Amino acid sequence: MTPREGDDPADETGGVFVHLTGAVVSPGVREVPQGYRLYQVLELAGGATPEADLAAVNLAAVVVDGGQVHVPRKGEAAPPGPPAVSGGPVTGGRMPGGGTGPGGAGAGMPEGMVNLNTADAPALEMLPRVGPVLAERIIAWRTEHGPFARAEDLDAVPGIGPALLEAMLPLVVVR
């Protein structure tokens, strides 16, 4: 991997690994700085091929560690499953936490968004870098302080710093 000048995947924010497949000049696994967007990862991979359907991917989405992004060819059906970005479906798949379960999409809520005020631990664990311990901290904070007034209030939860908050904000709502 060749990061852009001035970018060091091993800096204090840590790097993330993303697997690019499909209509990409040089598919494969890339290590990029945390917070990189899909268009930046594609640039590192030599860009999309001429037959790529870039309208089917969210180029502005932040990539998440351990994810796979498939860039479909024009006319190719998008595979189901969670995408490797935090800013919306990459290939038409469902976002983490999506569906009709607690914290999933529900009446009047966009598909794939997690409602911070109603999500249970499994729904919260579908968010990037949220495991059982952090999910329980979110629920404990909500129980102790009442419902979240806005999604940005997540920064008050112990263990959620600026980088994690930025990755989570496109995936959560407060209702």
Foldseek 3Di string as FASTA:
>chain_A
DDADPPFDCPPPQHWAWEFEEEQAQATGIDTGHFFDFQLRVSVVRVHGHPQFDQVQADRGFGFAHPFYAYGYGVPDQFDEDAGRTQQDDGRPYFHQLFDDPWQHAHPPRDGQAGALLTHAQNSVCSAGPDDNVQSVQSVVCCVVPPFDPFLLCSCVRPPDDDSSSVSRRSRYGHD
